[in-house]
């Protein structure tokens, strides 16, 4: 009986320990998501409209291997033109890459960002375009991006439309904070 009690006691302790570990990891994940949501809220309210473009210009400019070549509404569908370099060799991988910046709140079902991306690919001739976007992207929006990508692609020129969503933007911003203080966007 003593041995059975000890086995039961050890088994209960092990399951409690496993539950504590699972609960801690859940709490950490919940804390991370709450932090990301708070950062998204701050960015979306403090960096509205054209100011959001300046924020993305600053944020992307801090990334190794990425250079913002032009900032401002081009009239051709892009807000920024990027140069992307190989981080090891410094060779230019992509040049004149259009990027669109959109700050929405709530569900995003607008076709405007998609129209702008399509226009930017046509005018720039680039085979890649970026959309930096805040807001909750609906399944319909994501499907429209995929359809636009297929529409713009040809067998000899595959086109990629890359979405940098609000969670990625928040994580990028938080990683810049972890690297230490820097001058913020203008």
N, C-alpha and C. Protein backbone atom coordinates (compact mmCIF):
# COMPACT_ATOMS: atom_id res chain seq x y z
N UNK A 1 0.84 -1.19 0.00
CA UNK A 1 0.00 0.00 0.00
C UNK A 1 0.87 1.25 0.00
N UNK A 2 1.95 1.23 0.80
CA UNK A 2 2.86 2.38 0.83
C UNK A 2 3.48 2.62 -0.55
N UNK A 3 3.88 1.54 -1.22
CA UNK A 3 4.46 1.68 -2.54
C UNK A 3 3.45 2.26 -3.54
N UNK A 4 2.22 1.78 -3.48
CA UNK A 4 1.18 2.31 -4.36
C UNK A 4 0.92 3.79 -4.08
N UNK A 5 0.88 4.15 -2.80
CA UNK A 5 0.70 5.56 -2.45
C UNK A 5 1.83 6.42 -3.00
N UNK A 6 3.05 5.91 -2.88
CA UNK A 6 4.21 6.64 -3.39
C UNK A 6 4.12 6.79 -4.91
N UNK A 7 3.77 5.74 -5.61
CA UNK A 7 3.65 5.79 -7.08
C UNK A 7 2.56 6.79 -7.47
N UNK A 8 1.43 6.74 -6.79
CA UNK A 8 0.34 7.68 -7.08
C UNK A 8 0.79 9.10 -6.80
N UNK A 9 1.47 9.29 -5.68
CA UNK A 9 1.94 10.62 -5.31
C UNK A 9 2.94 11.14 -6.34
N UNK A 10 3.88 10.31 -6.79
CA UNK A 10 4.86 10.72 -7.80
C UNK A 10 4.18 11.02 -9.12
N UNK A 11 3.20 10.19 -9.49
CA UNK A 11 2.48 10.40 -10.74
C UNK A 11 1.71 11.71 -10.70
N UNK A 12 1.08 11.99 -9.58
CA UNK A 12 0.35 13.25 -9.45
C UNK A 12 1.32 14.43 -9.49
N UNK A 13 2.47 14.30 -8.85
CA UNK A 13 3.44 15.40 -8.86
C UNK A 13 3.92 15.65 -10.29
N UNK A 14 4.22 14.56 -11.03
CA UNK A 14 4.67 14.71 -12.41
C UNK A 14 3.61 15.36 -13.27
N UNK A 15 2.34 14.98 -13.09
CA UNK A 15 1.29 15.59 -13.92
C UNK A 15 1.07 17.05 -13.53
N UNK A 16 1.21 17.36 -12.23
CA UNK A 16 1.11 18.76 -11.81
C UNK A 16 2.24 19.57 -12.43
N UNK A 17 3.43 19.00 -12.44
CA UNK A 17 4.58 19.68 -13.03
C UNK A 17 4.34 19.91 -14.52
N UNK A 18 3.84 18.91 -15.21
CA UNK A 18 3.54 19.05 -16.64
C UNK A 18 2.47 20.12 -16.87
N UNK A 19 1.45 20.13 -16.00
CA UNK A 19 0.41 21.16 -16.13
C UNK A 19 0.97 22.54 -15.87
N UNK A 20 1.87 22.67 -14.89
CA UNK A 20 2.47 23.98 -14.62
C UNK A 20 3.29 24.44 -15.82
N UNK A 21 4.05 23.54 -16.44
CA UNK A 21 4.85 23.89 -17.61
C UNK A 21 3.94 24.32 -18.75
N UNK A 22 2.90 23.55 -19.00
CA UNK A 22 1.97 23.89 -20.07
C UNK A 22 1.31 25.23 -19.79
N UNK A 23 0.91 25.44 -18.58
CA UNK A 23 0.26 26.69 -18.21
C UNK A 23 1.22 27.87 -18.35
N UNK A 24 2.48 27.68 -17.98
CA UNK A 24 3.46 28.76 -18.12
C UNK A 24 3.68 29.10 -19.59
N UNK A 25 3.78 28.07 -20.43
CA UNK A 25 3.99 28.34 -21.85
C UNK A 25 2.75 29.02 -22.45
N UNK A 26 1.58 28.62 -21.98
CA UNK A 26 0.35 29.28 -22.45
C UNK A 26 0.34 30.74 -22.01
N UNK A 27 0.74 30.99 -20.76
CA UNK A 27 0.77 32.36 -20.25
C UNK A 27 1.79 33.20 -21.01
N UNK A 28 2.93 32.61 -21.33
CA UNK A 28 3.94 33.33 -22.10
C UNK A 28 3.40 33.67 -23.49
N UNK A 29 2.76 32.70 -24.14
CA UNK A 29 2.18 32.94 -25.46
C UNK A 29 1.09 34.01 -25.39
N UNK A 30 0.25 33.95 -24.36
CA UNK A 30 -0.80 34.96 -24.19
C UNK A 30 -0.21 36.34 -23.94
N UNK A 31 0.87 36.40 -23.16
CA UNK A 31 1.53 37.68 -22.90
C UNK A 31 2.13 38.24 -24.18
N UNK A 32 2.76 37.37 -24.97
CA UNK A 32 3.33 37.82 -26.24
C UNK A 32 2.25 38.38 -27.15
N UNK A 33 1.13 37.67 -27.27
CA UNK A 33 0.05 38.15 -28.14
C UNK A 33 -0.55 39.46 -27.62
N UNK A 34 -0.68 39.59 -26.31
CA UNK A 34 -1.20 40.83 -25.73
C UNK A 34 -0.24 41.99 -26.01
N UNK A 35 1.05 41.72 -25.92
CA UNK A 35 2.06 42.75 -26.21
C UNK A 35 1.99 43.15 -27.67
N UNK A 36 1.90 42.17 -28.56
CA UNK A 36 1.79 42.46 -29.99
C UNK A 36 0.55 43.29 -30.27
N UNK A 37 -0.58 42.93 -29.67
CA UNK A 37 -1.83 43.68 -29.87
C UNK A 37 -1.67 45.12 -29.38
N UNK A 38 -1.00 45.30 -28.24
CA UNK A 38 -0.80 46.66 -27.72
C UNK A 38 0.10 47.47 -28.65
N UNK A 39 1.14 46.85 -29.17
CA UNK A 39 2.04 47.54 -30.10
C UNK A 39 1.29 47.91 -31.38
N UNK A 40 0.49 47.00 -31.89
CA UNK A 40 -0.32 47.28 -33.08
C UNK A 40 -1.24 48.47 -32.82
N UNK A 41 -1.89 48.48 -31.65
CA UNK A 41 -2.78 49.59 -31.30
C UNK A 41 -2.05 50.92 -31.27
N UNK A 42 -0.86 50.94 -30.68
CA UNK A 42 -0.07 52.18 -30.62
C UNK A 42 0.33 52.64 -32.01
N UNK A 43 0.83 51.72 -32.81
CA UNK A 43 1.26 52.08 -34.18
C UNK A 43 0.09 52.59 -34.98
N UNK A 44 -1.04 51.88 -34.91
CA UNK A 44 -2.19 52.26 -35.75
C UNK A 44 -2.78 53.61 -35.38
N UNK A 45 -2.69 53.99 -34.11
CA UNK A 45 -3.26 55.29 -33.73
C UNK A 45 -2.26 56.44 -33.86
N UNK A 46 -0.98 56.16 -33.65
CA UNK A 46 0.02 57.24 -33.71
C UNK A 46 0.56 57.50 -35.10
N UNK A 47 0.45 56.52 -35.99
CA UNK A 47 1.04 56.64 -37.32
C UNK A 47 -0.05 56.44 -38.37
N UNK A 48 -0.90 57.42 -38.51
CA UNK A 48 -2.02 57.35 -39.44
C UNK A 48 -1.59 57.82 -40.83
N UNK A 49 -2.26 57.37 -41.85
CA UNK A 49 -2.13 57.81 -43.24
C UNK A 49 -0.68 57.91 -43.69
N UNK A 50 -0.27 59.09 -44.18
CA UNK A 50 1.08 59.28 -44.70
C UNK A 50 2.13 59.10 -43.60
N UNK A 51 1.78 59.36 -42.35
CA UNK A 51 2.71 59.15 -41.25
C UNK A 51 3.06 57.67 -41.12
N UNK A 52 2.12 56.79 -41.46
CA UNK A 52 2.38 55.35 -41.43
C UNK A 52 3.45 54.99 -42.46
N UNK A 53 3.42 55.65 -43.61
CA UNK A 53 4.45 55.44 -44.62
C UNK A 53 5.83 55.82 -44.06
N UNK A 54 5.90 56.93 -43.34
CA UNK A 54 7.17 57.35 -42.73
C UNK A 54 7.63 56.34 -41.69
N UNK A 55 6.70 55.82 -40.92
CA UNK A 55 7.03 54.81 -39.92
C UNK A 55 7.60 53.56 -40.59
N UNK A 56 6.96 53.09 -41.65
CA UNK A 56 7.44 51.89 -42.36
C UNK A 56 8.78 52.18 -43.03
N UNK A 57 8.94 53.37 -43.60
CA UNK A 57 10.21 53.78 -44.19
C UNK A 57 11.32 53.64 -43.15
N UNK A 58 11.10 54.19 -41.96
CA UNK A 58 12.07 54.12 -40.88
C UNK A 58 12.33 52.67 -40.46
N UNK A 59 11.26 51.91 -40.26
CA UNK A 59 11.36 50.53 -39.78
C UNK A 59 12.10 49.64 -40.78
N UNK A 60 11.73 49.73 -42.04
CA UNK A 60 12.35 48.91 -43.08
C UNK A 60 13.81 49.33 -43.27
N UNK A 61 14.07 50.62 -43.16
CA UNK A 61 15.43 51.12 -43.30
C UNK A 61 16.39 50.60 -42.25
N UNK A 62 15.87 50.11 -41.13
CA UNK A 62 16.71 49.54 -40.08
C UNK A 62 17.07 48.08 -40.34
N UNK A 63 16.42 47.49 -41.31
CA UNK A 63 16.66 46.08 -41.60
C UNK A 63 17.94 45.91 -42.41
N UNK A 64 18.80 45.00 -42.00
CA UNK A 64 20.02 44.77 -42.77
C UNK A 64 19.68 44.28 -44.18
N UNK A 65 20.35 44.84 -45.15
CA UNK A 65 20.16 44.40 -46.53
C UNK A 65 18.98 45.04 -47.23
N UNK A 66 18.31 45.99 -46.59
CA UNK A 66 17.17 46.65 -47.22
C UNK A 66 17.42 48.15 -47.19
N UNK A 67 17.26 48.78 -48.32
CA UNK A 67 17.44 50.22 -48.44
C UNK A 67 16.18 50.82 -49.06
N UNK A 68 15.69 51.90 -48.46
CA UNK A 68 14.56 52.62 -49.05
C UNK A 68 15.14 53.63 -50.03
N UNK A 69 14.85 53.43 -51.31
CA UNK A 69 15.40 54.30 -52.35
C UNK A 69 14.55 55.53 -52.58
N UNK A 70 13.24 55.37 -52.40
CA UNK A 70 12.33 56.49 -52.63
C UNK A 70 11.16 56.37 -51.68
N UNK A 71 10.75 57.49 -51.12
CA UNK A 71 9.62 57.55 -50.20
C UNK A 71 8.65 58.59 -50.73
N UNK A 72 7.40 58.25 -50.74
CA UNK A 72 6.37 59.21 -51.14
C UNK A 72 5.47 58.62 -52.21
N UNK A 73 4.28 59.15 -52.29
CA UNK A 73 3.31 58.66 -53.26
C UNK A 73 3.84 58.90 -54.66
N UNK A 74 3.95 57.83 -55.41
CA UNK A 74 4.52 57.89 -56.75
C UNK A 74 3.47 58.19 -57.81
N UNK A 75 2.20 57.94 -57.49
CA UNK A 75 1.16 58.01 -58.50
C UNK A 75 1.11 56.74 -59.35
N UNK A 76 2.03 55.81 -59.06
CA UNK A 76 2.08 54.55 -59.80
C UNK A 76 1.75 53.35 -58.92
N UNK A 77 1.20 53.59 -57.73
CA UNK A 77 0.75 52.49 -56.88
C UNK A 77 1.66 52.15 -55.73
N UNK A 78 2.83 52.77 -55.62
CA UNK A 78 3.70 52.44 -54.50
C UNK A 78 3.97 53.66 -53.64
N UNK A 79 4.24 53.39 -52.37
CA UNK A 79 4.60 54.43 -51.40
C UNK A 79 6.11 54.47 -51.18
N UNK A 80 6.75 53.33 -51.33
CA UNK A 80 8.20 53.21 -51.16
C UNK A 80 8.77 52.38 -52.30
N UNK A 81 10.00 52.68 -52.68
CA UNK A 81 10.75 51.81 -53.57
C UNK A 81 11.95 51.28 -52.79
N UNK A 82 12.12 49.98 -52.81
CA UNK A 82 13.14 49.32 -52.00
C UNK A 82 14.23 48.70 -52.85
N UNK A 83 15.40 48.60 -52.27
CA UNK A 83 16.50 47.81 -52.82
C UNK A 83 16.78 46.73 -51.78
N UNK A 84 16.83 45.49 -52.24
CA UNK A 84 17.08 44.37 -51.34
C UNK A 84 18.41 43.74 -51.75
N UNK A 85 19.32 43.68 -50.78
CA UNK A 85 20.67 43.17 -51.03
C UNK A 85 20.89 41.85 -50.30
N UNK A 86 21.77 41.06 -50.86
CA UNK A 86 22.20 39.82 -50.22
C UNK A 86 22.99 40.21 -48.97
N UNK A 87 22.57 39.75 -47.79
CA UNK A 87 23.27 40.16 -46.56
C UNK A 87 24.70 39.64 -46.47
N UNK A 88 25.05 38.61 -47.23
CA UNK A 88 26.39 38.07 -47.16
C UNK A 88 27.35 38.75 -48.14
N UNK A 89 26.89 38.95 -49.36
CA UNK A 89 27.79 39.50 -50.38
C UNK A 89 27.56 40.97 -50.66
N UNK A 90 26.39 41.47 -50.30
CA UNK A 90 26.05 42.85 -50.63
C UNK A 90 25.53 43.02 -52.05
N UNK A 91 25.45 41.93 -52.80
CA UNK A 91 24.93 41.99 -54.17
C UNK A 91 23.45 42.36 -54.15
N UNK A 92 23.04 43.11 -55.15
CA UNK A 92 21.63 43.51 -55.24
C UNK A 92 20.80 42.32 -55.72
N UNK A 93 19.85 41.91 -54.90
CA UNK A 93 18.95 40.82 -55.26
C UNK A 93 17.74 41.33 -56.02
N UNK A 94 17.18 42.43 -55.52
CA UNK A 94 16.01 43.06 -56.15
C UNK A 94 16.20 44.56 -56.05
N UNK A 95 15.88 45.26 -57.12
CA UNK A 95 15.99 46.72 -57.12
C UNK A 95 14.67 47.30 -57.63
N UNK A 96 14.37 48.49 -57.17
CA UNK A 96 13.13 49.15 -57.58
C UNK A 96 11.91 48.30 -57.20
N UNK A 97 11.93 47.78 -55.98
CA UNK A 97 10.83 46.94 -55.48
C UNK A 97 9.76 47.85 -54.89
N UNK A 98 8.56 47.83 -55.43
CA UNK A 98 7.51 48.69 -54.89
C UNK A 98 6.95 48.14 -53.57
N UNK A 99 6.60 49.06 -52.68
CA UNK A 99 5.97 48.70 -51.42
C UNK A 99 4.81 49.65 -51.16
N UNK A 100 3.73 49.08 -50.74
CA UNK A 100 2.52 49.83 -50.42
C UNK A 100 2.31 49.76 -48.92
N UNK A 101 1.89 50.87 -48.30
CA UNK A 101 1.69 50.95 -46.85
C UNK A 101 0.23 51.32 -46.58
N UNK A 102 -0.47 50.48 -45.85
CA UNK A 102 -1.89 50.73 -45.54
C UNK A 102 -2.14 50.53 -44.05
N UNK A 103 -2.85 51.48 -43.45
CA UNK A 103 -3.18 51.43 -42.03
C UNK A 103 -4.70 51.33 -41.90
N UNK A 104 -5.19 50.13 -41.63
CA UNK A 104 -6.61 49.90 -41.42
C UNK A 104 -6.83 49.45 -39.98
N UNK A 105 -8.06 49.55 -39.54
CA UNK A 105 -8.44 48.99 -38.26
C UNK A 105 -9.62 48.07 -38.50
N UNK A 106 -9.64 46.94 -37.79
CA UNK A 106 -10.70 45.97 -37.98
C UNK A 106 -10.44 45.12 -39.21
N UNK A 107 -11.51 44.48 -39.69
CA UNK A 107 -11.39 43.61 -40.85
C UNK A 107 -11.04 44.40 -42.10
N UNK A 108 -10.11 43.84 -42.88
CA UNK A 108 -9.72 44.47 -44.13
C UNK A 108 -10.38 43.68 -45.26
N UNK A 109 -11.27 44.35 -45.95
CA UNK A 109 -11.88 43.73 -47.12
C UNK A 109 -11.83 44.66 -48.33
N UNK A 110 -11.12 45.77 -48.19
CA UNK A 110 -10.98 46.74 -49.27
C UNK A 110 -10.12 46.16 -50.39
N UNK A 111 -10.48 46.46 -51.61
CA UNK A 111 -9.69 46.03 -52.77
C UNK A 111 -8.65 47.07 -53.17
N UNK A 112 -8.66 48.25 -52.52
CA UNK A 112 -7.71 49.31 -52.87
C UNK A 112 -6.25 48.88 -52.76
N UNK A 113 -5.82 48.23 -51.66
CA UNK A 113 -4.42 47.81 -51.59
C UNK A 113 -4.05 46.85 -52.72
N UNK A 114 -4.97 46.00 -53.09
CA UNK A 114 -4.71 45.03 -54.15
C UNK A 114 -4.60 45.74 -55.50
N UNK A 115 -5.49 46.68 -55.75
CA UNK A 115 -5.40 47.47 -56.98
C UNK A 115 -4.09 48.23 -57.05
N UNK A 116 -3.68 48.84 -55.92
CA UNK A 116 -2.42 49.57 -55.88
C UNK A 116 -1.23 48.64 -56.14
N UNK A 117 -1.25 47.45 -55.55
CA UNK A 117 -0.16 46.51 -55.77
C UNK A 117 -0.09 46.09 -57.23
N UNK A 118 -1.23 45.79 -57.82
CA UNK A 118 -1.25 45.39 -59.23
C UNK A 118 -0.69 46.52 -60.11
N UNK A 119 -1.11 47.73 -59.83
CA UNK A 119 -0.64 48.89 -60.59
C UNK A 119 0.87 49.07 -60.40
N UNK A 120 1.35 48.89 -59.18
CA UNK A 120 2.77 49.09 -58.91
C UNK A 120 3.63 48.06 -59.63
N UNK A 121 3.16 46.83 -59.71
CA UNK A 121 3.91 45.79 -60.44
C UNK A 121 3.94 46.12 -61.92
N UNK A 122 2.81 46.57 -62.45
CA UNK A 122 2.75 46.91 -63.88
C UNK A 122 3.68 48.08 -64.21
N UNK A 123 3.66 49.14 -63.39
CA UNK A 123 4.47 50.33 -63.67
C UNK A 123 5.96 50.10 -63.37
N UNK A 124 6.27 49.33 -62.35
CA UNK A 124 7.67 49.17 -61.96
C UNK A 124 8.38 48.08 -62.77
N UNK A 125 7.62 47.12 -63.23
CA UNK A 125 8.24 45.99 -63.92
C UNK A 125 8.86 44.99 -62.95
N UNK A 126 8.71 45.21 -61.66
CA UNK A 126 9.27 44.32 -60.66
C UNK A 126 8.48 43.03 -60.59
N UNK A 127 9.17 41.96 -60.24
CA UNK A 127 8.47 40.67 -60.09
C UNK A 127 8.09 40.39 -58.64
N UNK A 128 8.29 41.40 -57.80
CA UNK A 128 7.92 41.27 -56.39
C UNK A 128 7.42 42.63 -55.90
N UNK A 129 6.43 42.61 -55.03
CA UNK A 129 5.91 43.83 -54.41
C UNK A 129 5.49 43.50 -52.98
N UNK A 130 5.65 44.49 -52.11
CA UNK A 130 5.34 44.31 -50.69
C UNK A 130 4.14 45.15 -50.30
N UNK A 131 3.33 44.58 -49.42
CA UNK A 131 2.21 45.30 -48.82
C UNK A 131 2.40 45.25 -47.30
N UNK A 132 2.73 46.41 -46.71
CA UNK A 132 2.81 46.55 -45.26
C UNK A 132 1.44 47.03 -44.81
N UNK A 133 0.75 46.19 -44.04
CA UNK A 133 -0.65 46.50 -43.77
C UNK A 133 -1.03 46.19 -42.32
N UNK A 134 -1.74 47.15 -41.73
CA UNK A 134 -2.35 46.95 -40.42
C UNK A 134 -3.82 46.65 -40.65
N UNK A 135 -4.39 45.89 -39.77
CA UNK A 135 -5.79 45.49 -39.86
C UNK A 135 -5.88 43.97 -39.88
N UNK A 136 -7.06 43.48 -39.65
CA UNK A 136 -7.30 42.03 -39.62
C UNK A 136 -7.62 41.58 -41.04
N UNK A 137 -6.71 40.84 -41.64
CA UNK A 137 -6.88 40.42 -43.02
C UNK A 137 -7.87 39.26 -43.10
N UNK A 138 -8.92 39.46 -43.86
CA UNK A 138 -9.94 38.43 -44.01
C UNK A 138 -9.45 37.36 -44.98
N UNK A 139 -10.09 36.20 -44.94
CA UNK A 139 -9.76 35.14 -45.89
C UNK A 139 -10.02 35.62 -47.32
N UNK A 140 -11.09 36.37 -47.50
CA UNK A 140 -11.41 36.89 -48.84
C UNK A 140 -10.31 37.82 -49.34
N UNK A 141 -9.76 38.64 -48.45
CA UNK A 141 -8.68 39.54 -48.83
C UNK A 141 -7.46 38.73 -49.25
N UNK A 142 -7.10 37.74 -48.46
CA UNK A 142 -5.93 36.90 -48.78
C UNK A 142 -6.15 36.16 -50.11
N UNK A 143 -7.35 35.70 -50.35
CA UNK A 143 -7.65 35.03 -51.62
C UNK A 143 -7.54 36.00 -52.79
N UNK A 144 -7.95 37.24 -52.58
CA UNK A 144 -7.83 38.26 -53.63
C UNK A 144 -6.36 38.56 -53.94
N UNK A 145 -5.52 38.56 -52.93
CA UNK A 145 -4.07 38.76 -53.14
C UNK A 145 -3.53 37.61 -53.99
N UNK A 146 -3.90 36.38 -53.64
CA UNK A 146 -3.44 35.21 -54.40
C UNK A 146 -3.92 35.28 -55.84
N UNK A 147 -5.17 35.69 -56.04
CA UNK A 147 -5.71 35.80 -57.40
C UNK A 147 -4.97 36.88 -58.19
N UNK A 148 -4.67 38.00 -57.55
CA UNK A 148 -3.92 39.08 -58.21
C UNK A 148 -2.52 38.61 -58.58
N UNK A 149 -1.91 37.85 -57.71
CA UNK A 149 -0.58 37.32 -57.98
C UNK A 149 -0.61 36.41 -59.21
N UNK A 150 -1.61 35.54 -59.28
CA UNK A 150 -1.76 34.66 -60.44
C UNK A 150 -2.02 35.45 -61.70
N UNK A 151 -2.86 36.47 -61.59
CA UNK A 151 -3.19 37.32 -62.74
C UNK A 151 -1.96 38.03 -63.30
N UNK A 152 -1.08 38.49 -62.42
CA UNK A 152 0.11 39.24 -62.84
C UNK A 152 1.23 38.34 -63.33
N UNK A 153 1.20 37.08 -62.94
CA UNK A 153 2.28 36.15 -63.29
C UNK A 153 2.11 35.58 -64.68
N UNK A 154 3.23 35.25 -65.26
CA UNK A 154 3.24 34.52 -66.53
C UNK A 154 4.26 33.41 -66.38
N UNK A 155 4.27 32.45 -67.31
CA UNK A 155 5.24 31.35 -67.18
C UNK A 155 6.70 31.82 -67.11
N UNK A 156 7.02 32.88 -67.82
CA UNK A 156 8.40 33.37 -67.82
C UNK A 156 8.65 34.46 -66.77
N UNK A 157 7.60 34.90 -66.07
CA UNK A 157 7.75 35.95 -65.06
C UNK A 157 6.79 35.71 -63.90
N UNK A 158 7.19 34.85 -62.95
CA UNK A 158 6.34 34.69 -61.77
C UNK A 158 6.42 35.93 -60.90
N UNK A 159 5.28 36.39 -60.44
CA UNK A 159 5.19 37.58 -59.60
C UNK A 159 4.81 37.15 -58.19
N UNK A 160 5.47 37.78 -57.20
CA UNK A 160 5.14 37.52 -55.80
C UNK A 160 4.64 38.79 -55.15
N UNK A 161 3.48 38.70 -54.54
CA UNK A 161 2.93 39.80 -53.75
C UNK A 161 3.07 39.37 -52.29
N UNK A 162 3.93 40.07 -51.57
CA UNK A 162 4.27 39.68 -50.21
C UNK A 162 3.53 40.57 -49.22
N UNK A 163 2.78 39.94 -48.34
CA UNK A 163 2.06 40.67 -47.30
C UNK A 163 2.91 40.68 -46.03
N UNK A 164 3.15 41.86 -45.50
CA UNK A 164 3.77 42.01 -44.19
C UNK A 164 2.63 42.50 -43.29
N UNK A 165 2.06 41.59 -42.53
CA UNK A 165 0.85 41.91 -41.77
C UNK A 165 1.18 42.59 -40.44
N UNK A 166 0.13 42.96 -39.72
CA UNK A 166 0.30 43.74 -38.50
C UNK A 166 1.12 43.01 -37.43
N UNK A 167 1.00 41.70 -37.34
CA UNK A 167 1.79 40.96 -36.36
C UNK A 167 3.28 41.03 -36.71
N UNK A 168 3.60 40.89 -37.99
CA UNK A 168 4.99 40.97 -38.42
C UNK A 168 5.54 42.38 -38.19
N UNK A 169 4.74 43.39 -38.49
CA UNK A 169 5.18 44.78 -38.29
C UNK A 169 5.45 45.02 -36.81
N UNK A 170 4.57 44.55 -35.94
CA UNK A 170 4.76 44.71 -34.50
C UNK A 170 6.03 43.99 -34.04
N UNK A 171 6.25 42.79 -34.53
CA UNK A 171 7.46 42.05 -34.15
C UNK A 171 8.72 42.76 -34.65
N UNK A 172 8.67 43.29 -35.87
CA UNK A 172 9.81 44.05 -36.40
C UNK A 172 10.11 45.24 -35.49
N UNK A 173 9.06 45.95 -35.10
CA UNK A 173 9.24 47.12 -34.24
C UNK A 173 9.81 46.71 -32.89
N UNK A 174 9.27 45.64 -32.30
CA UNK A 174 9.75 45.19 -31.00
C UNK A 174 11.21 44.75 -31.08
N UNK A 175 11.61 44.17 -32.19
CA UNK A 175 13.01 43.76 -32.32
C UNK A 175 13.93 44.97 -32.42
N UNK A 176 13.46 46.08 -33.01
CA UNK A 176 14.28 47.29 -33.04
C UNK A 176 14.43 47.85 -31.63
N UNK A 177 13.40 47.73 -30.82
CA UNK A 177 13.48 48.18 -29.43
C UNK A 177 14.47 47.35 -28.63
N UNK A 178 14.52 46.06 -28.94
CA UNK A 178 15.43 45.17 -28.22
C UNK A 178 16.88 45.47 -28.56
N UNK A 179 17.12 46.04 -29.73
CA UNK A 179 18.49 46.35 -30.15
C UNK A 179 19.02 47.63 -29.51
N UNK A 180 18.16 48.40 -28.88
CA UNK A 180 18.59 49.60 -28.20
C UNK A 180 17.97 50.84 -28.79
N UNK A 181 18.18 51.98 -28.16
CA UNK A 181 17.54 53.21 -28.60
C UNK A 181 18.08 53.66 -29.97
N UNK A 182 17.18 54.23 -30.73
CA UNK A 182 17.55 54.82 -32.02
C UNK A 182 16.61 55.99 -32.27
N UNK A 183 16.99 56.81 -33.21
CA UNK A 183 16.09 57.90 -33.60
C UNK A 183 14.86 57.29 -34.25
N UNK A 184 13.71 57.73 -33.85
CA UNK A 184 12.49 57.22 -34.44
C UNK A 184 12.19 57.88 -35.77
N UNK A 185 11.09 57.49 -36.37
CA UNK A 185 10.71 58.08 -37.65
C UNK A 185 10.40 59.56 -37.50
N UNK A 186 10.58 60.27 -38.57
CA UNK A 186 10.33 61.72 -38.55
C UNK A 186 8.85 62.02 -38.63
